[in-house]
N, C-alpha and C. Protein backbone atom coordinates (compact mmCIF):
# COMPACT_ATOMS: atom_id res chain seq x y z
N MET A 1 5.52 4.31 19.88
CA MET A 1 4.26 3.84 19.36
C MET A 1 3.23 4.98 19.34
N ALA A 2 3.21 5.80 20.36
CA ALA A 2 2.26 6.91 20.42
C ALA A 2 2.54 7.92 19.32
N THR A 3 3.82 8.13 19.00
CA THR A 3 4.18 9.07 17.94
C THR A 3 3.67 8.56 16.60
N ARG A 4 3.85 7.27 16.35
CA ARG A 4 3.38 6.70 15.08
C ARG A 4 1.86 6.81 14.97
N LEU A 5 1.16 6.53 16.06
CA LEU A 5 -0.31 6.64 16.06
C LEU A 5 -0.73 8.07 15.76
N GLN A 6 -0.06 9.03 16.36
CA GLN A 6 -0.41 10.42 16.11
C GLN A 6 -0.15 10.81 14.66
N THR A 7 0.94 10.29 14.08
CA THR A 7 1.23 10.53 12.67
C THR A 7 0.09 10.03 11.79
N GLU A 8 -0.40 8.82 12.07
CA GLU A 8 -1.49 8.25 11.28
C GLU A 8 -2.77 9.06 11.45
N ILE A 9 -3.06 9.49 12.65
CA ILE A 9 -4.25 10.31 12.91
C ILE A 9 -4.17 11.63 12.15
N ASN A 10 -2.99 12.26 12.17
CA ASN A 10 -2.81 13.52 11.46
C ASN A 10 -2.93 13.35 9.95
N GLN A 11 -2.37 12.26 9.41
CA GLN A 11 -2.46 12.01 7.97
C GLN A 11 -3.91 11.78 7.55
N GLU A 12 -4.68 11.12 8.40
CA GLU A 12 -6.10 10.91 8.09
C GLU A 12 -6.82 12.25 8.04
N LYS A 13 -6.51 13.14 8.97
CA LYS A 13 -7.16 14.45 9.01
C LYS A 13 -6.77 15.34 7.84
N THR A 14 -5.48 15.33 7.47
CA THR A 14 -5.00 16.26 6.45
C THR A 14 -5.04 15.71 5.04
N ALA A 15 -4.90 14.39 4.87
CA ALA A 15 -4.81 13.83 3.53
C ALA A 15 -5.83 12.72 3.26
N ALA A 16 -6.67 12.41 4.24
CA ALA A 16 -7.68 11.35 4.12
C ALA A 16 -7.05 9.99 3.83
N MET A 17 -5.84 9.79 4.34
CA MET A 17 -5.17 8.49 4.19
C MET A 17 -4.33 8.20 5.41
N GLN A 18 -4.17 6.90 5.66
CA GLN A 18 -3.37 6.44 6.79
C GLN A 18 -3.16 4.94 6.62
N TYR A 19 -2.46 4.32 7.57
CA TYR A 19 -2.39 2.86 7.63
C TYR A 19 -3.52 2.41 8.55
N TRP A 20 -4.40 1.55 8.01
CA TRP A 20 -5.56 1.08 8.77
C TRP A 20 -5.29 -0.32 9.30
N PRO A 21 -5.82 -0.65 10.47
CA PRO A 21 -5.62 -2.00 11.00
C PRO A 21 -6.41 -3.03 10.20
N ILE A 22 -5.89 -4.24 10.14
CA ILE A 22 -6.55 -5.35 9.48
C ILE A 22 -6.89 -6.39 10.54
N PHE A 23 -8.16 -6.79 10.59
CA PHE A 23 -8.61 -7.81 11.53
C PHE A 23 -9.26 -8.95 10.78
N ASN A 24 -9.15 -10.17 11.31
CA ASN A 24 -9.88 -11.31 10.79
C ASN A 24 -11.34 -11.11 11.17
N LEU A 25 -12.23 -11.07 10.19
CA LEU A 25 -13.63 -10.78 10.47
C LEU A 25 -14.33 -11.90 11.24
N THR A 26 -13.80 -13.11 11.18
CA THR A 26 -14.41 -14.23 11.90
C THR A 26 -13.94 -14.28 13.35
N THR A 27 -12.62 -14.15 13.55
CA THR A 27 -12.06 -14.33 14.90
C THR A 27 -11.80 -13.01 15.62
N GLY A 28 -11.72 -11.91 14.88
CA GLY A 28 -11.38 -10.63 15.48
C GLY A 28 -9.89 -10.45 15.71
N GLN A 29 -9.08 -11.44 15.32
CA GLN A 29 -7.63 -11.36 15.53
C GLN A 29 -7.02 -10.24 14.71
N PHE A 30 -6.06 -9.53 15.31
CA PHE A 30 -5.32 -8.48 14.61
C PHE A 30 -4.34 -9.15 13.66
N ILE A 31 -4.42 -8.80 12.37
CA ILE A 31 -3.58 -9.39 11.33
C ILE A 31 -2.38 -8.50 11.01
N GLY A 32 -2.61 -7.20 10.98
CA GLY A 32 -1.55 -6.26 10.61
C GLY A 32 -2.17 -4.94 10.20
N CYS A 33 -1.52 -4.26 9.26
CA CYS A 33 -2.06 -2.99 8.79
C CYS A 33 -1.77 -2.83 7.31
N CYS A 34 -2.54 -1.97 6.69
CA CYS A 34 -2.37 -1.66 5.27
C CYS A 34 -2.86 -0.24 5.07
N GLY A 35 -2.21 0.49 4.19
CA GLY A 35 -2.70 1.83 3.95
C GLY A 35 -1.88 2.62 2.98
N LEU A 36 -2.08 3.92 3.07
CA LEU A 36 -1.50 4.87 2.15
C LEU A 36 -0.77 5.96 2.90
N LYS A 37 0.32 6.42 2.30
CA LYS A 37 1.09 7.53 2.84
C LYS A 37 1.27 8.54 1.72
N PRO A 38 0.99 9.82 1.98
CA PRO A 38 1.12 10.83 0.92
C PRO A 38 2.56 10.95 0.42
N VAL A 39 2.70 11.01 -0.91
CA VAL A 39 3.97 11.31 -1.57
C VAL A 39 3.65 12.22 -2.75
N VAL A 40 4.67 12.77 -3.37
CA VAL A 40 4.47 13.63 -4.53
C VAL A 40 3.75 12.85 -5.63
N ASN A 41 2.75 13.43 -6.23
CA ASN A 41 1.98 12.83 -7.32
C ASN A 41 1.18 11.59 -6.93
N GLY A 42 0.75 11.49 -5.69
CA GLY A 42 -0.08 10.34 -5.32
C GLY A 42 0.15 9.90 -3.90
N ALA A 43 0.32 8.59 -3.74
CA ALA A 43 0.51 8.03 -2.41
C ALA A 43 1.35 6.76 -2.53
N GLU A 44 1.91 6.38 -1.41
CA GLU A 44 2.64 5.12 -1.33
C GLU A 44 1.76 4.10 -0.63
N LEU A 45 1.60 2.94 -1.24
CA LEU A 45 0.85 1.83 -0.67
C LEU A 45 1.79 0.98 0.15
N GLY A 46 1.35 0.58 1.32
CA GLY A 46 2.15 -0.31 2.13
C GLY A 46 1.30 -1.24 2.96
N TYR A 47 1.86 -2.36 3.34
CA TYR A 47 1.17 -3.29 4.23
C TYR A 47 2.21 -4.03 5.06
N HIS A 48 1.83 -4.33 6.28
CA HIS A 48 2.69 -5.06 7.22
C HIS A 48 1.80 -6.04 7.95
N LEU A 49 2.08 -7.32 7.78
CA LEU A 49 1.26 -8.35 8.42
C LEU A 49 2.09 -9.15 9.42
N ARG A 50 1.43 -9.61 10.47
CA ARG A 50 2.07 -10.51 11.41
C ARG A 50 2.43 -11.80 10.66
N SER A 51 3.58 -12.37 10.93
CA SER A 51 4.10 -13.48 10.12
C SER A 51 3.17 -14.69 10.08
N GLU A 52 2.40 -14.91 11.12
CA GLU A 52 1.50 -16.07 11.09
C GLU A 52 0.36 -15.91 10.09
N PHE A 53 0.23 -14.72 9.50
CA PHE A 53 -0.82 -14.48 8.53
C PHE A 53 -0.28 -14.33 7.10
N TRP A 54 1.01 -14.55 6.91
CA TRP A 54 1.59 -14.49 5.58
C TRP A 54 1.04 -15.62 4.71
N HIS A 55 1.01 -15.40 3.41
CA HIS A 55 0.64 -16.41 2.39
C HIS A 55 -0.79 -16.91 2.54
N GLN A 56 -1.68 -16.05 3.02
CA GLN A 56 -3.08 -16.43 3.16
C GLN A 56 -4.02 -15.50 2.38
N GLY A 57 -3.45 -14.56 1.63
CA GLY A 57 -4.26 -13.66 0.81
C GLY A 57 -4.67 -12.36 1.47
N TYR A 58 -4.33 -12.18 2.75
CA TYR A 58 -4.74 -10.97 3.45
C TYR A 58 -4.08 -9.71 2.88
N ALA A 59 -2.79 -9.79 2.56
CA ALA A 59 -2.09 -8.60 2.03
C ALA A 59 -2.71 -8.17 0.71
N ALA A 60 -2.95 -9.11 -0.17
CA ALA A 60 -3.53 -8.78 -1.48
C ALA A 60 -4.93 -8.20 -1.32
N GLU A 61 -5.73 -8.78 -0.44
CA GLU A 61 -7.09 -8.29 -0.24
C GLU A 61 -7.09 -6.87 0.34
N ALA A 62 -6.27 -6.64 1.34
CA ALA A 62 -6.20 -5.32 1.96
C ALA A 62 -5.64 -4.29 0.98
N ALA A 63 -4.60 -4.67 0.24
CA ALA A 63 -4.00 -3.75 -0.73
C ALA A 63 -5.00 -3.40 -1.83
N ALA A 64 -5.77 -4.37 -2.28
CA ALA A 64 -6.78 -4.10 -3.31
C ALA A 64 -7.82 -3.09 -2.80
N ALA A 65 -8.21 -3.22 -1.55
CA ALA A 65 -9.17 -2.27 -0.96
C ALA A 65 -8.55 -0.87 -0.87
N ALA A 66 -7.28 -0.79 -0.49
CA ALA A 66 -6.61 0.50 -0.40
C ALA A 66 -6.47 1.14 -1.79
N ILE A 67 -6.17 0.33 -2.80
CA ILE A 67 -6.08 0.83 -4.17
C ILE A 67 -7.43 1.38 -4.63
N HIS A 68 -8.47 0.63 -4.37
CA HIS A 68 -9.82 1.07 -4.74
C HIS A 68 -10.14 2.42 -4.09
N TYR A 69 -9.84 2.54 -2.82
CA TYR A 69 -10.07 3.80 -2.10
C TYR A 69 -9.23 4.94 -2.71
N ALA A 70 -7.96 4.66 -2.96
CA ALA A 70 -7.06 5.69 -3.50
C ALA A 70 -7.53 6.21 -4.84
N PHE A 71 -7.97 5.31 -5.71
CA PHE A 71 -8.32 5.70 -7.07
C PHE A 71 -9.77 6.16 -7.20
N ASN A 72 -10.68 5.58 -6.45
CA ASN A 72 -12.10 5.91 -6.61
C ASN A 72 -12.60 6.99 -5.65
N GLN A 73 -12.06 7.05 -4.46
CA GLN A 73 -12.48 8.06 -3.49
C GLN A 73 -11.56 9.29 -3.55
N LEU A 74 -10.26 9.04 -3.47
CA LEU A 74 -9.30 10.15 -3.44
C LEU A 74 -8.95 10.65 -4.83
N LYS A 75 -9.25 9.85 -5.86
CA LYS A 75 -8.95 10.20 -7.26
C LYS A 75 -7.46 10.49 -7.47
N LEU A 76 -6.60 9.71 -6.82
CA LEU A 76 -5.17 9.90 -6.97
C LEU A 76 -4.70 9.47 -8.35
N PRO A 77 -3.69 10.14 -8.90
CA PRO A 77 -3.23 9.79 -10.25
C PRO A 77 -2.42 8.50 -10.30
N GLN A 78 -1.75 8.17 -9.20
CA GLN A 78 -0.94 6.96 -9.18
C GLN A 78 -0.57 6.57 -7.76
N LEU A 79 -0.12 5.33 -7.63
CA LEU A 79 0.40 4.83 -6.36
C LEU A 79 1.79 4.28 -6.62
N VAL A 80 2.64 4.39 -5.63
CA VAL A 80 3.94 3.74 -5.66
C VAL A 80 3.99 2.74 -4.52
N ALA A 81 4.86 1.77 -4.63
CA ALA A 81 5.03 0.78 -3.57
C ALA A 81 6.42 0.19 -3.70
N GLY A 82 6.91 -0.32 -2.61
CA GLY A 82 8.20 -0.99 -2.60
C GLY A 82 8.18 -2.10 -1.57
N HIS A 83 9.24 -2.89 -1.58
CA HIS A 83 9.33 -3.96 -0.58
C HIS A 83 10.78 -4.32 -0.33
N HIS A 84 11.01 -4.99 0.78
CA HIS A 84 12.35 -5.47 1.11
C HIS A 84 12.79 -6.41 -0.01
N PRO A 85 14.04 -6.31 -0.45
CA PRO A 85 14.48 -7.14 -1.58
C PRO A 85 14.38 -8.64 -1.33
N ALA A 86 14.42 -9.07 -0.08
CA ALA A 86 14.30 -10.50 0.22
C ALA A 86 12.85 -10.97 0.26
N ASN A 87 11.91 -10.05 0.28
CA ASN A 87 10.50 -10.40 0.38
C ASN A 87 9.91 -10.55 -1.03
N LEU A 88 10.19 -11.67 -1.65
CA LEU A 88 9.74 -11.91 -3.02
C LEU A 88 8.22 -12.01 -3.12
N ALA A 89 7.57 -12.49 -2.06
CA ALA A 89 6.11 -12.62 -2.08
C ALA A 89 5.44 -11.26 -2.26
N SER A 90 5.98 -10.21 -1.64
CA SER A 90 5.39 -8.88 -1.80
C SER A 90 5.52 -8.40 -3.24
N GLY A 91 6.63 -8.71 -3.88
CA GLY A 91 6.78 -8.34 -5.29
C GLY A 91 5.74 -9.02 -6.16
N ILE A 92 5.46 -10.28 -5.87
CA ILE A 92 4.44 -11.01 -6.62
C ILE A 92 3.07 -10.39 -6.40
N ILE A 93 2.76 -10.07 -5.14
CA ILE A 93 1.47 -9.43 -4.83
C ILE A 93 1.32 -8.12 -5.59
N LEU A 94 2.34 -7.29 -5.55
CA LEU A 94 2.26 -6.00 -6.23
C LEU A 94 2.06 -6.17 -7.74
N ARG A 95 2.80 -7.08 -8.34
CA ARG A 95 2.63 -7.31 -9.79
C ARG A 95 1.24 -7.86 -10.09
N ASN A 96 0.73 -8.75 -9.25
CA ASN A 96 -0.61 -9.29 -9.46
C ASN A 96 -1.69 -8.21 -9.32
N LEU A 97 -1.40 -7.17 -8.55
CA LEU A 97 -2.33 -6.06 -8.39
C LEU A 97 -2.23 -5.04 -9.53
N GLY A 98 -1.28 -5.26 -10.44
CA GLY A 98 -1.14 -4.38 -11.59
C GLY A 98 0.01 -3.40 -11.52
N PHE A 99 0.79 -3.42 -10.45
CA PHE A 99 1.94 -2.53 -10.34
C PHE A 99 3.02 -2.96 -11.33
N HIS A 100 3.80 -1.98 -11.79
CA HIS A 100 4.90 -2.23 -12.72
C HIS A 100 6.21 -1.82 -12.06
N PHE A 101 7.21 -2.69 -12.16
CA PHE A 101 8.54 -2.42 -11.61
C PHE A 101 9.16 -1.25 -12.36
N ILE A 102 9.69 -0.27 -11.59
CA ILE A 102 10.30 0.90 -12.22
C ILE A 102 11.77 1.08 -11.84
N GLY A 103 12.29 0.22 -10.96
CA GLY A 103 13.68 0.33 -10.55
C GLY A 103 13.84 0.05 -9.08
N THR A 104 14.96 0.47 -8.54
CA THR A 104 15.20 0.30 -7.11
C THR A 104 15.44 1.66 -6.48
N GLU A 105 15.21 1.71 -5.18
CA GLU A 105 15.40 2.95 -4.43
C GLU A 105 16.07 2.61 -3.11
N TYR A 106 17.08 3.40 -2.76
CA TYR A 106 17.78 3.19 -1.50
C TYR A 106 16.86 3.50 -0.33
N TYR A 107 16.79 2.59 0.63
CA TYR A 107 15.96 2.75 1.82
C TYR A 107 16.88 2.72 3.03
N ALA A 108 17.09 3.89 3.64
CA ALA A 108 18.06 4.06 4.72
C ALA A 108 17.88 3.10 5.90
N PRO A 109 16.64 2.85 6.37
CA PRO A 109 16.52 1.96 7.53
C PRO A 109 17.12 0.56 7.33
N THR A 110 17.12 0.05 6.09
CA THR A 110 17.70 -1.28 5.84
C THR A 110 19.09 -1.17 5.23
N GLY A 111 19.41 -0.01 4.66
CA GLY A 111 20.69 0.15 3.98
C GLY A 111 20.73 -0.59 2.65
N LEU A 112 19.56 -0.90 2.10
CA LEU A 112 19.47 -1.69 0.86
C LEU A 112 18.70 -0.95 -0.22
N GLU A 113 18.93 -1.40 -1.45
CA GLU A 113 18.14 -0.93 -2.58
C GLU A 113 16.86 -1.77 -2.62
N HIS A 114 15.71 -1.12 -2.50
CA HIS A 114 14.43 -1.82 -2.49
C HIS A 114 13.76 -1.72 -3.85
N PRO A 115 13.20 -2.83 -4.36
CA PRO A 115 12.44 -2.77 -5.61
C PRO A 115 11.28 -1.78 -5.45
N THR A 116 11.04 -0.99 -6.49
CA THR A 116 10.01 0.04 -6.46
C THR A 116 9.08 -0.15 -7.66
N TYR A 117 7.79 0.09 -7.41
CA TYR A 117 6.75 -0.17 -8.40
C TYR A 117 5.82 1.03 -8.49
N VAL A 118 5.10 1.13 -9.60
CA VAL A 118 4.10 2.18 -9.78
C VAL A 118 2.83 1.56 -10.36
N LEU A 119 1.70 2.12 -9.97
CA LEU A 119 0.40 1.75 -10.52
C LEU A 119 -0.30 3.05 -10.89
N VAL A 120 -0.61 3.23 -12.17
CA VAL A 120 -1.25 4.44 -12.65
C VAL A 120 -2.76 4.27 -12.62
N ASN A 121 -3.44 5.31 -12.16
CA ASN A 121 -4.91 5.32 -12.17
C ASN A 121 -5.36 5.61 -13.59
N ARG A 122 -5.80 4.59 -14.30
CA ARG A 122 -6.19 4.74 -15.70
C ARG A 122 -7.36 5.69 -15.88
N ARG A 123 -8.21 5.79 -14.87
CA ARG A 123 -9.35 6.72 -14.98
C ARG A 123 -8.89 8.17 -14.96
N GLN A 124 -7.77 8.44 -14.29
CA GLN A 124 -7.23 9.79 -14.28
C GLN A 124 -6.55 10.11 -15.60
N VAL A 125 -5.92 9.10 -16.20
CA VAL A 125 -5.25 9.28 -17.49
C VAL A 125 -6.29 9.39 -18.59
N ASN A 126 -7.32 8.52 -18.53
CA ASN A 126 -8.39 8.50 -19.51
C ASN A 126 -9.71 8.39 -18.73
N PRO A 127 -10.36 9.52 -18.43
CA PRO A 127 -11.57 9.50 -17.59
C PRO A 127 -12.69 8.59 -18.08
N LYS A 128 -12.69 8.23 -19.38
CA LYS A 128 -13.74 7.36 -19.91
C LYS A 128 -13.40 5.88 -19.77
N ALA A 129 -12.17 5.57 -19.34
CA ALA A 129 -11.77 4.18 -19.20
C ALA A 129 -12.54 3.53 -18.05
N THR A 130 -12.80 2.26 -18.22
CA THR A 130 -13.46 1.50 -17.15
C THR A 130 -12.53 0.41 -16.69
N ARG A 131 -12.74 -0.01 -15.47
CA ARG A 131 -11.89 -1.07 -14.90
C ARG A 131 -12.69 -2.31 -14.77
């Protein structure tokens, strides 16, 4: 756990991105985390929520905030994201956020092909475009 925390701290210092904790603003309960990890040509968006908070809109809300930060503050050209093939809800969230399916990618920790998506920053492609 300490190694993972140090990785996130270092990524924040060097790339201005990390996985940030998500808390319920009313109760203060820890919900999970959401954030960005540097990859070639942008960043990877990810989120991990405690199961009791699934299907309540937290993942979509946190991911939307991370996308806004990535595109408006960091000016990244694109984001990629993936999910466990059995987690159909995450695929729906990503598509609702504007991500487009581009194929599958082998993910060694699960030994499975994971659906992979991309979201292009339209302002970087066309600086006069508005969202």
